[in-house]
């Protein structure tokens, strides 16, 4: 049992002392890092206590199984969105990478210039802003509301503490995001614009994968690409943002499009307008193919476009324009 969502479903049984020792340990670990879950557990225990005072009887032997069955059926009735599942997979992988850190690793410098210890604090800073964008209470709501400012505000809080403290705070905030994300369809404010929660979770998963690999690179370990399902969601988001990216880097082409193919795990095919104009419905200016993994690494600015092999039919310069535009939204 690893996902906080699974553990949270056990709070009712926890209040009734109807869990086995492993389940109790999992719940109490959640309560230690998640004040929302802790408050809910306290409320449920209070209710259970009042019921016990009203009628001091032993619960029937089948209570535990009935309670757990009810929790599981409720969870099955509201399955997570693909975007939230992606977020869960990538946060779990990054948390696992951080958990293997040795004290000496904390001083290693990562690709974005932060030492590993400070990168974990940066992760918590960004998650706190996402919690607030979802109308949750992060606990850092009085700190600056931009990524750089929030990171700068949190760094002194954890600078002289074990990296596990920042990692635990980050996991607490991850739990709040999972609690407030919903089905991913609503729009929220993010970095001066507006995104669906689903797209925000995909973008954040992309960043978390990248930072997990940043830690591995700093430790001279190989990168660990996501699974095909995860790459597919990330690649699709990056392709959907390409027209705006081309505008931002000055490479838009009015009335033209490209047939873009990404190969390998998570790949696919798209016809993409080469700008924000409504044209580009005619014959594509080129057909270009990249590896899906290479494309994602370029988008995250962890691979330079000049290093990326590709196949092109038609205007070769279109491929170059795409590689320049792909990382236009990278903040890593």
C-alpha atoms as a PDB file:
ATOM      1  CA  UNK A   1       0.000   0.000   0.000  1.00  0.00           C
ATOM      2  CA  UNK A   2       1.888   3.070  -1.238  1.00  0.00           C
ATOM      3  CA  UNK A   3      -0.569   5.581  -2.674  1.00  0.00           C
ATOM      4  CA  UNK A   4      -1.879   8.140  -0.210  1.00  0.00           C
ATOM      5  CA  UNK A   5      -5.314   7.790  -1.774  1.00  0.00           C
ATOM      6  CA  UNK A   6      -5.423   4.120  -0.765  1.00  0.00           C
ATOM      7  CA  UNK A   7      -4.279   4.913   2.758  1.00  0.00           C
ATOM      8  CA  UNK A   8      -6.749   7.774   3.158  1.00  0.00           C
ATOM      9  CA  UNK A   9      -9.602   5.360   2.501  1.00  0.00           C
ATOM     10  CA  UNK A  10      -8.627   3.523   5.720  1.00  0.00           C
ATOM     11  CA  UNK A  11      -9.230   6.490   8.057  1.00  0.00           C
ATOM     12  CA  UNK A  12     -12.702   5.289   9.053  1.00  0.00           C
ATOM     13  CA  UNK A  13     -11.419   1.832   9.948  1.00  0.00           C
ATOM     14  CA  UNK A  14      -8.444   3.435  11.760  1.00  0.00           C
ATOM     15  CA  UNK A  15     -10.838   5.438  13.952  1.00  0.00           C
ATOM     16  CA  UNK A  16     -12.559   2.182  14.887  1.00  0.00           C
ATOM     17  CA  UNK A  17      -9.280   0.334  15.627  1.00  0.00           C
ATOM     18  CA  UNK A  18     -10.181  -2.087  12.842  1.00  0.00           C
ATOM     19  CA  UNK A  19      -6.812  -2.256  11.036  1.00  0.00           C
ATOM     20  CA  UNK A  20      -3.929  -4.667  11.153  1.00  0.00           C
ATOM     21  CA  UNK A  21      -0.461  -3.393  12.255  1.00  0.00           C
ATOM     22  CA  UNK A  22       0.821  -2.757   8.721  1.00  0.00           C
ATOM     23  CA  UNK A  23      -2.249  -0.727   7.870  1.00  0.00           C
ATOM     24  CA  UNK A  24      -1.966   1.238  11.116  1.00  0.00           C
ATOM     25  CA  UNK A  25       1.657   2.073  10.294  1.00  0.00           C
ATOM     26  CA  UNK A  26       0.685   3.268   6.812  1.00  0.00           C
ATOM     27  CA  UNK A  27      -2.115   5.472   8.150  1.00  0.00           C
ATOM     28  CA  UNK A  28       0.058   6.977  10.898  1.00  0.00           C
ATOM     29  CA  UNK A  29       2.797   7.773   8.360  1.00  0.00           C
ATOM     30  CA  UNK A  30       0.186   9.624   6.292  1.00  0.00           C
ATOM     31  CA  UNK A  31      -1.094  11.526   9.337  1.00  0.00           C
ATOM     32  CA  UNK A  32       2.429  12.650  10.212  1.00  0.00           C
ATOM     33  CA  UNK A  33       2.867  14.454   6.881  1.00  0.00           C
ATOM     34  CA  UNK A  34      -0.715  15.409   5.970  1.00  0.00           C
ATOM     35  CA  UNK A  35      -2.569  17.762   8.352  1.00  0.00           C
ATOM     36  CA  UNK A  36      -5.803  17.429   6.375  1.00  0.00           C
ATOM     37  CA  UNK A  37      -5.807  13.661   6.885  1.00  0.00           C
ATOM     38  CA  UNK A  38      -4.778  14.129  10.533  1.00  0.00           C
ATOM     39  CA  UNK A  39      -7.718  16.469  11.155  1.00  0.00           C
ATOM     40  CA  UNK A  40     -10.110  14.039   9.494  1.00  0.00           C
ATOM     41  CA  UNK A  41      -8.747  11.134  11.570  1.00  0.00           C
ATOM     42  CA  UNK A  42      -9.183  13.167  14.759  1.00  0.00           C
ATOM     43  CA  UNK A  43     -12.774  13.996  13.808  1.00  0.00           C
ATOM     44  CA  UNK A  44     -13.558  10.354  13.108  1.00  0.00           C
ATOM     45  CA  UNK A  45     -11.959   9.244  16.372  1.00  0.00           C
ATOM     46  CA  UNK A  46     -14.038  11.817  18.256  1.00  0.00           C
ATOM     47  CA  UNK A  47     -17.206  10.492  16.677  1.00  0.00           C
ATOM     48  CA  UNK A  48     -16.175   6.930  17.473  1.00  0.00           C
ATOM     49  CA  UNK A  49     -15.461   7.952  21.074  1.00  0.00           C
ATOM     50  CA  UNK A  50     -18.882   9.525  21.509  1.00  0.00           C
ATOM     51  CA  UNK A  51     -20.548   6.439  20.124  1.00  0.00           C
ATOM     52  CA  UNK A  52     -18.587   4.270  22.526  1.00  0.00           C
ATOM     53  CA  UNK A  53     -19.702   6.412  25.481  1.00  0.00           C
ATOM     54  CA  UNK A  54     -23.286   6.249  24.350  1.00  0.00           C
ATOM     55  CA  UNK A  55     -23.285   2.484  24.106  1.00  0.00           C
ATOM     56  CA  UNK A  56     -20.269   0.535  25.349  1.00  0.00           C
ATOM     57  CA  UNK A  57     -20.513  -2.567  23.215  1.00  0.00           C
ATOM     58  CA  UNK A  58     -17.908  -4.625  21.385  1.00  0.00           C
ATOM     59  CA  UNK A  59     -18.061  -4.113  17.616  1.00  0.00           C
ATOM     60  CA  UNK A  60     -19.132  -7.182  15.694  1.00  0.00           C
ATOM     61  CA  UNK A  61     -16.326  -9.287  14.235  1.00  0.00           C
ATOM     62  CA  UNK A  62     -17.385  -8.484  10.684  1.00  0.00           C
ATOM     63  CA  UNK A  63     -17.086  -4.696  11.217  1.00  0.00           C
ATOM     64  CA  UNK A  64     -13.521  -4.421   9.950  1.00  0.00           C
ATOM     65  CA  UNK A  65     -14.174  -6.225   6.679  1.00  0.00           C
ATOM     66  CA  UNK A  66     -17.438  -4.335   6.117  1.00  0.00           C
ATOM     67  CA  UNK A  67     -15.707  -1.002   6.707  1.00  0.00           C
ATOM     68  CA  UNK A  68     -12.817  -1.839   4.390  1.00  0.00           C
ATOM     69  CA  UNK A  69     -15.174  -3.140   1.702  1.00  0.00           C
ATOM     70  CA  UNK A  70     -17.132   0.109   1.868  1.00  0.00           C
ATOM     71  CA  UNK A  71     -13.950   2.176   1.557  1.00  0.00           C
ATOM     72  CA  UNK A  72     -12.748   0.166  -1.415  1.00  0.00           C
ATOM     73  CA  UNK A  73     -16.099   0.401  -3.189  1.00  0.00           C
ATOM     74  CA  UNK A  74     -16.159   4.182  -2.718  1.00  0.00           C
ATOM     75  CA  UNK A  75     -12.679   4.448  -4.189  1.00  0.00           C
ATOM     76  CA  UNK A  76     -13.603   2.231  -7.140  1.00  0.00           C
ATOM     77  CA  UNK A  77     -16.639   4.434  -7.802  1.00  0.00           C
ATOM     78  CA  UNK A  78     -14.417   7.491  -8.297  1.00  0.00           C
ATOM     79  CA  UNK A  79     -11.375   6.337 -10.269  1.00  0.00           C
ATOM     80  CA  UNK A  80      -8.487   8.757 -10.693  1.00  0.00           C
ATOM     81  CA  UNK A  81      -8.081  10.643 -13.945  1.00  0.00           C
ATOM     82  CA  UNK A  82      -5.220   9.558 -16.236  1.00  0.00           C
ATOM     83  CA  UNK A  83      -3.476  12.836 -15.407  1.00  0.00           C
ATOM     84  CA  UNK A  84      -3.700  12.230 -11.667  1.00  0.00           C
ATOM     85  CA  UNK A  85      -2.484   8.664 -12.122  1.00  0.00           C
ATOM     86  CA  UNK A  86       0.477  10.058 -14.087  1.00  0.00           C
ATOM     87  CA  UNK A  87       1.195  12.531 -11.297  1.00  0.00           C
ATOM     88  CA  UNK A  88       1.078   9.689  -8.795  1.00  0.00           C
ATOM     89  CA  UNK A  89       3.515   7.573 -10.799  1.00  0.00           C
ATOM     90  CA  UNK A  90       6.053  10.349 -11.303  1.00  0.00           C
ATOM     91  CA  UNK A  91       5.945  11.645  -7.722  1.00  0.00           C
ATOM     92  CA  UNK A  92       6.358   8.098  -6.444  1.00  0.00           C
ATOM     93  CA  UNK A  93       9.429   7.580  -8.664  1.00  0.00           C
ATOM     94  CA  UNK A  94      11.002  10.881  -7.614  1.00  0.00           C
ATOM     95  CA  UNK A  95      10.326  10.287  -3.917  1.00  0.00           C
ATOM     96  CA  UNK A  96      12.001   6.883  -4.241  1.00  0.00           C
ATOM     97  CA  UNK A  97      15.068   8.464  -5.890  1.00  0.00           C
ATOM     98  CA  UNK A  98      15.347  11.022  -3.099  1.00  0.00           C
ATOM     99  CA  UNK A  99      14.969   8.343  -0.427  1.00  0.00           C
ATOM    100  CA  UNK A 100      18.200   6.684  -1.632  1.00  0.00           C
ATOM    101  CA  UNK A 101      20.317   9.820  -1.146  1.00  0.00           C
ATOM    102  CA  UNK A 102      23.491   9.609   0.920  1.00  0.00           C
ATOM    103  CA  UNK A 103      24.524  12.662   2.994  1.00  0.00           C
ATOM    104  CA  UNK A 104      27.337  13.426   0.545  1.00  0.00           C
ATOM    105  CA  UNK A 105      24.829  13.530  -2.327  1.00  0.00           C
ATOM    106  CA  UNK A 106      23.104  16.577  -0.867  1.00  0.00           C
ATOM    107  CA  UNK A 107      25.907  18.889  -1.985  1.00  0.00           C
ATOM    108  CA  UNK A 108      25.931  17.696  -5.611  1.00  0.00           C
ATOM    109  CA  UNK A 109      24.835  20.368  -8.073  1.00  0.00           C
ATOM    110  CA  UNK A 110      21.954  19.542 -10.435  1.00  0.00           C
ATOM    111  CA  UNK A 111      21.233  20.717 -13.983  1.00  0.00           C
ATOM    112  CA  UNK A 112      19.279  23.809 -12.913  1.00  0.00           C
ATOM    113  CA  UNK A 113      22.076  24.993 -10.606  1.00  0.00           C
ATOM    114  CA  UNK A 114      20.555  23.919  -7.304  1.00  0.00           C
ATOM    115  CA  UNK A 115      22.342  21.464  -5.058  1.00  0.00           C
ATOM    116  CA  UNK A 116      20.384  18.273  -4.484  1.00  0.00           C
ATOM    117  CA  UNK A 117      19.338  19.312  -0.957  1.00  0.00           C
ATOM    118  CA  UNK A 118      17.921  22.610  -2.250  1.00  0.00           C
ATOM    119  CA  UNK A 119      16.258  20.937  -5.243  1.00  0.00           C
ATOM    120  CA  UNK A 120      14.049  18.957  -2.842  1.00  0.00           C
ATOM    121  CA  UNK A 121      13.012  22.218  -1.171  1.00  0.00           C
ATOM    122  CA  UNK A 122      12.295  23.687  -4.608  1.00  0.00           C
ATOM    123  CA  UNK A 123      10.003  20.729  -5.336  1.00  0.00           C
ATOM    124  CA  UNK A 124       8.066  21.446  -2.151  1.00  0.00           C
ATOM    125  CA  UNK A 125       7.880  25.147  -3.061  1.00  0.00           C
ATOM    126  CA  UNK A 126       6.257  24.453  -6.430  1.00  0.00           C
ATOM    127  CA  UNK A 127       3.852  21.903  -4.970  1.00  0.00           C
ATOM    128  CA  UNK A 128       2.766  24.464  -2.356  1.00  0.00           C
ATOM    129  CA  UNK A 129       1.820  26.892  -5.134  1.00  0.00           C
ATOM    130  CA  UNK A 130      -0.148  24.186  -6.933  1.00  0.00           C
ATOM    131  CA  UNK A 131      -2.036  23.397  -3.720  1.00  0.00           C
ATOM    132  CA  UNK A 132      -3.030  27.048  -3.519  1.00  0.00           C
ATOM    133  CA  UNK A 133      -4.055  27.159  -7.182  1.00  0.00           C
ATOM    134  CA  UNK A 134      -6.425  24.275  -6.353  1.00  0.00           C
ATOM    135  CA  UNK A 135      -7.916  26.352  -3.492  1.00  0.00           C
ATOM    136  CA  UNK A 136      -6.155  24.320  -0.832  1.00  0.00           C
ATOM    137  CA  UNK A 137      -4.179  25.617   2.156  1.00  0.00           C
ATOM    138  CA  UNK A 138      -0.486  24.881   1.740  1.00  0.00           C
ATOM    139  CA  UNK A 139       0.806  26.277   5.025  1.00  0.00           C
ATOM    140  CA  UNK A 140       3.049  28.693   3.086  1.00  0.00           C
ATOM    141  CA  UNK A 141       0.276  30.949   1.801  1.00  0.00           C
ATOM    142  CA  UNK A 142       1.980  34.100   3.148  1.00  0.00           C
ATOM    143  CA  UNK A 143       5.153  33.452   1.108  1.00  0.00           C
ATOM    144  CA  UNK A 144       5.645  34.949  -2.395  1.00  0.00           C
ATOM    145  CA  UNK A 145       3.255  33.576  -5.003  1.00  0.00           C
ATOM    146  CA  UNK A 146       5.803  33.000  -7.774  1.00  0.00           C
ATOM    147  CA  UNK A 147       8.080  29.973  -8.184  1.00  0.00           C
ATOM    148  CA  UNK A 148      11.394  31.755  -7.672  1.00  0.00           C
ATOM    149  CA  UNK A 149      10.104  33.799  -4.740  1.00  0.00           C
ATOM    150  CA  UNK A 150       8.476  30.812  -3.036  1.00  0.00           C
ATOM    151  CA  UNK A 151      11.646  28.732  -3.488  1.00  0.00           C
ATOM    152  CA  UNK A 152      13.769  31.549  -2.040  1.00  0.00           C
ATOM    153  CA  UNK A 153      11.414  31.806   0.943  1.00  0.00           C
ATOM    154  CA  UNK A 154      11.547  28.075   1.708  1.00  0.00           C
ATOM    155  CA  UNK A 155      15.269  27.479   1.200  1.00  0.00           C
ATOM    156  CA  UNK A 156      16.337  29.041   4.544  1.00  0.00           C
ATOM    157  CA  UNK A 157      13.710  26.977   6.383  1.00  0.00           C
ATOM    158  CA  UNK A 158      15.356  23.697   5.336  1.00  0.00           C
ATOM    159  CA  UNK A 159      18.970  24.720   4.668  1.00  0.00           C
ATOM    160  CA  UNK A 160      20.327  23.329   7.954  1.00  0.00           C
ATOM    161  CA  UNK A 161      17.876  20.449   8.342  1.00  0.00           C
ATOM    162  CA  UNK A 162      18.054  16.874   7.001  1.00  0.00           C
ATOM    163  CA  UNK A 163      16.887  16.529   3.416  1.00  0.00           C
ATOM    164  CA  UNK A 164      14.240  14.121   4.718  1.00  0.00           C
ATOM    165  CA  UNK A 165      12.458  17.070   6.355  1.00  0.00           C
ATOM    166  CA  UNK A 166      11.990  18.824   3.017  1.00  0.00           C
ATOM    167  CA  UNK A 167      11.092  15.505   1.365  1.00  0.00           C
ATOM    168  CA  UNK A 168       8.407  14.844   3.990  1.00  0.00           C
ATOM    169  CA  UNK A 169       6.992  18.323   3.479  1.00  0.00           C
ATOM    170  CA  UNK A 170       6.940  17.736  -0.257  1.00  0.00           C
ATOM    171  CA  UNK A 171       5.052  14.455   0.213  1.00  0.00           C
ATOM    172  CA  UNK A 172       2.513  16.202   2.448  1.00  0.00           C
ATOM    173  CA  UNK A 173       1.847  18.739  -0.299  1.00  0.00           C
ATOM    174  CA  UNK A 174       1.587  15.980  -2.919  1.00  0.00           C
ATOM    175  CA  UNK A 175      -1.143  14.442  -0.770  1.00  0.00           C
ATOM    176  CA  UNK A 176      -3.046  17.734  -0.712  1.00  0.00           C
ATOM    177  CA  UNK A 177      -2.848  18.047  -4.495  1.00  0.00           C
ATOM    178  CA  UNK A 178      -4.218  14.542  -4.915  1.00  0.00           C
ATOM    179  CA  UNK A 179      -7.010  15.457  -2.494  1.00  0.00           C
ATOM    180  CA  UNK A 180      -8.038  18.631  -4.342  1.00  0.00           C
ATOM    181  CA  UNK A 181      -7.370  17.724  -8.010  1.00  0.00           C
ATOM    182  CA  UNK A 182     -10.812  16.360  -8.846  1.00  0.00           C
ATOM    183  CA  UNK A 183     -11.394  15.044 -12.353  1.00  0.00           C
ATOM    184  CA  UNK A 184      -8.921  17.495 -13.911  1.00  0.00           C
ATOM    185  CA  UNK A 185     -11.466  19.406 -15.993  1.00  0.00           C
ATOM    186  CA  UNK A 186     -11.721  22.713 -14.135  1.00  0.00           C
ATOM    187  CA  UNK A 187      -9.562  25.668 -15.058  1.00  0.00           C
ATOM    188  CA  UNK A 188      -7.148  27.216 -12.553  1.00  0.00           C
ATOM    189  CA  UNK A 189      -4.767  30.164 -12.582  1.00  0.00           C
ATOM    190  CA  UNK A 190      -1.131  29.195 -13.065  1.00  0.00           C
ATOM    191  CA  UNK A 191       1.904  31.390 -13.767  1.00  0.00           C
ATOM    192  CA  UNK A 192      -0.113  34.289 -15.097  1.00  0.00           C
ATOM    193  CA  UNK A 193      -2.336  32.157 -17.328  1.00  0.00           C
ATOM    194  CA  UNK A 194      -5.075  29.604 -17.051  1.00  0.00           C
ATOM    195  CA  UNK A 195      -4.777  25.829 -17.370  1.00  0.00           C
ATOM    196  CA  UNK A 196      -7.012  22.860 -16.822  1.00  0.00           C
ATOM    197  CA  UNK A 197      -6.040  20.933 -13.712  1.00  0.00           C
ATOM    198  CA  UNK A 198      -5.357  17.933 -15.957  1.00  0.00           C
ATOM    199  CA  UNK A 199      -2.842  19.834 -18.084  1.00  0.00           C
ATOM    200  CA  UNK A 200      -1.253  21.315 -14.958  1.00  0.00           C
ATOM    201  CA  UNK A 201      -0.767  17.812 -13.540  1.00  0.00           C
ATOM    202  CA  UNK A 202       0.795  16.618 -16.798  1.00  0.00           C
ATOM    203  CA  UNK A 203       3.141  19.604 -16.919  1.00  0.00           C
ATOM    204  CA  UNK A 204       4.103  19.099 -13.287  1.00  0.00           C
ATOM    205  CA  UNK A 205       4.675  15.378 -13.825  1.00  0.00           C
ATOM    206  CA  UNK A 206       6.981  16.283 -16.718  1.00  0.00           C
ATOM    207  CA  UNK A 207       8.960  18.577 -14.398  1.00  0.00           C
ATOM    208  CA  UNK A 208       9.122  16.007 -11.597  1.00  0.00           C
ATOM    209  CA  UNK A 209      10.399  13.305 -13.967  1.00  0.00           C
ATOM    210  CA  UNK A 210      13.047  15.765 -15.146  1.00  0.00           C
ATOM    211  CA  UNK A 211      14.140  16.652 -11.617  1.00  0.00           C
ATOM    212  CA  UNK A 212      14.236  12.989 -10.618  1.00  0.00           C
ATOM    213  CA  UNK A 213      16.627  12.393 -13.497  1.00  0.00           C
ATOM    214  CA  UNK A 214      18.566  15.526 -12.483  1.00  0.00           C
ATOM    215  CA  UNK A 215      19.259  13.828  -9.153  1.00  0.00           C
ATOM    216  CA  UNK A 216      20.328  10.628 -10.939  1.00  0.00           C
ATOM    217  CA  UNK A 217      22.633  12.543 -13.281  1.00  0.00           C
ATOM    218  CA  UNK A 218      24.211  14.391 -10.354  1.00  0.00           C
ATOM    219  CA  UNK A 219      24.941  10.993  -8.790  1.00  0.00           C
ATOM    220  CA  UNK A 220      26.388   9.675 -12.098  1.00  0.00           C
ATOM    221  CA  UNK A 221      23.469   7.282 -12.475  1.00  0.00           C
ATOM    222  CA  UNK A 222      21.573   6.558 -15.716  1.00  0.00           C
ATOM    223  CA  UNK A 223      18.299   8.350 -16.318  1.00  0.00           C
ATOM    224  CA  UNK A 224      15.070   6.378 -15.894  1.00  0.00           C
ATOM    225  CA  UNK A 225      12.482   7.254 -18.563  1.00  0.00           C
ATOM    226  CA  UNK A 226       8.807   6.985 -17.639  1.00  0.00           C
ATOM    227  CA  UNK A 227       6.623   4.218 -19.004  1.00  0.00           C
ATOM    228  CA  UNK A 228       4.960   4.528 -22.403  1.00  0.00           C
ATOM    229  CA  UNK A 229       1.627   5.711 -20.994  1.00  0.00           C
ATOM    230  CA  UNK A 230       3.343   8.544 -19.127  1.00  0.00           C
ATOM    231  CA  UNK A 231       5.463   9.610 -22.112  1.00  0.00           C
ATOM    232  CA  UNK A 232       2.331   9.630 -24.293  1.00  0.00           C
ATOM    233  CA  UNK A 233       0.551  12.122 -22.029  1.00  0.00           C
ATOM    234  CA  UNK A 234       3.614  14.356 -21.735  1.00  0.00           C
ATOM    235  CA  UNK A 235       4.380  14.263 -25.457  1.00  0.00           C
ATOM    236  CA  UNK A 236       0.782  15.071 -26.355  1.00  0.00           C
ATOM    237  CA  UNK A 237       0.786  18.130 -24.061  1.00  0.00           C
ATOM    238  CA  UNK A 238       4.050  19.393 -25.519  1.00  0.00           C
ATOM    239  CA  UNK A 239       2.707  18.983 -29.073  1.00  0.00           C
ATOM    240  CA  UNK A 240      -0.530  20.804 -28.198  1.00  0.00           C
ATOM    241  CA  UNK A 241       1.560  23.728 -26.923  1.00  0.00           C
ATOM    242  CA  UNK A 242       3.767  23.848 -30.048  1.00  0.00           C
ATOM    243  CA  UNK A 243       1.783  26.496 -31.994  1.00  0.00           C
ATOM    244  CA  UNK A 244       2.142  28.984 -29.134  1.00  0.00           C
ATOM    245  CA  UNK A 245       5.780  27.956 -28.653  1.00  0.00           C
ATOM    246  CA  UNK A 246       6.507  28.710 -32.306  1.00  0.00           C
ATOM    247  CA  UNK A 247       4.959  32.152 -31.862  1.00  0.00           C
ATOM    248  CA  UNK A 248       7.043  32.839 -28.752  1.00  0.00           C
ATOM    249  CA  UNK A 249      10.358  31.983 -30.438  1.00  0.00           C
ATOM    250  CA  UNK A 250       9.532  33.812 -33.655  1.00  0.00           C
ATOM    251  CA  UNK A 251       9.297  30.676 -35.825  1.00  0.00           C
ATOM    252  CA  UNK A 252       5.551  30.723 -36.650  1.00  0.00           C
ATOM    253  CA  UNK A 253       4.484  30.190 -40.289  1.00  0.00           C
ATOM    254  CA  UNK A 254       1.108  31.595 -41.207  1.00  0.00           C
ATOM    255  CA  UNK A 255      -1.214  29.107 -42.858  1.00  0.00           C
ATOM    256  CA  UNK A 256       1.185  26.161 -42.684  1.00  0.00           C
ATOM    257  CA  UNK A 257       1.260  22.911 -40.735  1.00  0.00           C
ATOM    258  CA  UNK A 258       3.563  19.964 -40.095  1.00  0.00           C
ATOM    259  CA  UNK A 259       2.858  16.264 -39.850  1.00  0.00           C
ATOM    260  CA  UNK A 260       4.726  15.319 -36.677  1.00  0.00           C
ATOM    261  CA  UNK A 261       5.468  11.712 -35.755  1.00  0.00           C
ATOM    262  CA  UNK A 262       7.018  10.621 -32.459  1.00  0.00           C
ATOM    263  CA  UNK A 263       8.356   7.080 -32.483  1.00  0.00           C
ATOM    264  CA  UNK A 264       9.005   4.509 -29.794  1.00  0.00           C
ATOM    265  CA  UNK A 265       7.184   4.060 -26.463  1.00  0.00           C
ATOM    266  CA  UNK A 266       4.594   6.786 -25.946  1.00  0.00           C
ATOM    267  CA  UNK A 267       4.762   8.017 -29.533  1.00  0.00           C
ATOM    268  CA  UNK A 268       1.996   9.099 -31.881  1.00  0.00           C
ATOM    269  CA  UNK A 269       1.059  11.171 -34.924  1.00  0.00           C
ATOM    270  CA  UNK A 270      -0.194  14.774 -35.037  1.00  0.00           C
ATOM    271  CA  UNK A 271      -0.934  17.426 -37.646  1.00  0.00           C
ATOM    272  CA  UNK A 272       0.244  20.634 -35.989  1.00  0.00           C
ATOM    273  CA  UNK A 273      -0.397  24.230 -37.146  1.00  0.00           C
ATOM    274  CA  UNK A 274       2.888  26.143 -37.350  1.00  0.00           C
ATOM    275  CA  UNK A 275       1.430  29.038 -35.362  1.00  0.00           C
ATOM    276  CA  UNK A 276      -1.777  30.258 -33.751  1.00  0.00           C
ATOM    277  CA  UNK A 277      -3.524  31.275 -36.971  1.00  0.00           C
ATOM    278  CA  UNK A 278      -6.468  29.168 -38.025  1.00  0.00           C
ATOM    279  CA  UNK A 279      -4.828  28.144 -41.291  1.00  0.00           C
ATOM    280  CA  UNK A 280      -2.504  25.241 -41.961  1.00  0.00           C
ATOM    281  CA  UNK A 281      -5.261  22.854 -42.996  1.00  0.00           C
ATOM    282  CA  UNK A 282      -3.729  22.176 -46.408  1.00  0.00           C
ATOM    283  CA  UNK A 283      -0.809  19.970 -47.296  1.00  0.00           C
ATOM    284  CA  UNK A 284       1.819  20.024 -44.510  1.00  0.00           C
ATOM    285  CA  UNK A 285       5.036  21.902 -45.229  1.00  0.00           C
ATOM    286  CA  UNK A 286       6.931  18.836 -44.008  1.00  0.00           C
ATOM    287  CA  UNK A 287       6.619  15.459 -42.322  1.00  0.00           C
ATOM    288  CA  UNK A 288       9.043  15.117 -39.406  1.00  0.00           C
ATOM    289  CA  UNK A 289       9.767  12.177 -37.109  1.00  0.00           C
ATOM    290  CA  UNK A 290      11.623  12.184 -33.805  1.00  0.00           C
ATOM    291  CA  UNK A 291      12.026   9.658 -31.010  1.00  0.00           C
ATOM    292  CA  UNK A 292       9.315  10.377 -28.406  1.00  0.00           C
ATOM    293  CA  UNK A 293      11.874  10.184 -25.588  1.00  0.00           C
ATOM    294  CA  UNK A 294      14.301  12.531 -27.374  1.00  0.00           C
ATOM    295  CA  UNK A 295      11.448  14.949 -28.009  1.00  0.00           C
ATOM    296  CA  UNK A 296      10.531  15.008 -24.315  1.00  0.00           C
ATOM    297  CA  UNK A 297      14.165  15.537 -23.299  1.00  0.00           C
ATOM    298  CA  UNK A 298      14.431  18.488 -25.701  1.00  0.00           C
ATOM    299  CA  UNK A 299      11.164  19.900 -24.342  1.00  0.00           C
ATOM    300  CA  UNK A 300      12.608  19.733 -20.815  1.00  0.00           C
ATOM    301  CA  UNK A 301      15.906  21.306 -21.959  1.00  0.00           C
ATOM    302  CA  UNK A 302      17.858  18.206 -20.971  1.00  0.00           C
ATOM    303  CA  UNK A 303      18.898  17.476 -24.563  1.00  0.00           C
ATOM    304  CA  UNK A 304      19.987  20.073 -27.115  1.00  0.00           C
ATOM    305  CA  UNK A 305      18.071  20.164 -30.367  1.00  0.00           C
ATOM    306  CA  UNK A 306      21.299  19.906 -32.361  1.00  0.00           C
ATOM    307  CA  UNK A 307      21.897  16.467 -30.806  1.00  0.00           C
ATOM    308  CA  UNK A 308      18.555  15.024 -31.887  1.00  0.00           C
ATOM    309  CA  UNK A 309      18.378  12.738 -34.933  1.00  0.00           C
ATOM    310  CA  UNK A 310      15.259  13.040 -37.071  1.00  0.00           C
ATOM    311  CA  UNK A 311      13.755  12.053 -40.411  1.00  0.00           C
ATOM    312  CA  UNK A 312      12.127  14.715 -42.564  1.00  0.00           C
ATOM    313  CA  UNK A 313      10.256  14.830 -45.823  1.00  0.00           C
ATOM    314  CA  UNK A 314       9.699  18.316 -47.241  1.00  0.00           C
ATOM    315  CA  UNK A 315      11.068  21.561 -45.828  1.00  0.00           C
ATOM    316  CA  UNK A 316      13.992  20.555 -43.588  1.00  0.00           C
ATOM    317  CA  UNK A 317      13.959  23.892 -41.753  1.00  0.00           C
ATOM    318  CA  UNK A 318      10.588  22.989 -40.220  1.00  0.00           C
ATOM    319  CA  UNK A 319      12.307  20.330 -38.101  1.00  0.00           C
ATOM    320  CA  UNK A 320      14.742  22.935 -36.786  1.00  0.00           C
ATOM    321  CA  UNK A 321      11.867  25.307 -35.960  1.00  0.00           C
ATOM    322  CA  UNK A 322      10.125  22.573 -33.959  1.00  0.00           C
ATOM    323  CA  UNK A 323      13.265  21.791 -31.962  1.00  0.00           C
ATOM    324  CA  UNK A 324      13.707  25.486 -31.147  1.00  0.00           C
ATOM    325  CA  UNK A 325      10.067  25.885 -30.089  1.00  0.00           C
ATOM    326  CA  UNK A 326       9.731  22.662 -28.065  1.00  0.00           C
ATOM    327  CA  UNK A 327      11.394  23.990 -24.864  1.00  0.00           C
ATOM    328  CA  UNK A 328       9.672  27.401 -25.005  1.00  0.00           C
ATOM    329  CA  UNK A 329       7.737  26.700 -21.797  1.00  0.00           C
ATOM    330  CA  UNK A 330      10.491  24.955 -19.868  1.00  0.00           C
ATOM    331  CA  UNK A 331      11.134  26.437 -16.419  1.00  0.00           C
ATOM    332  CA  UNK A 332      13.543  23.725 -15.316  1.00  0.00           C
END
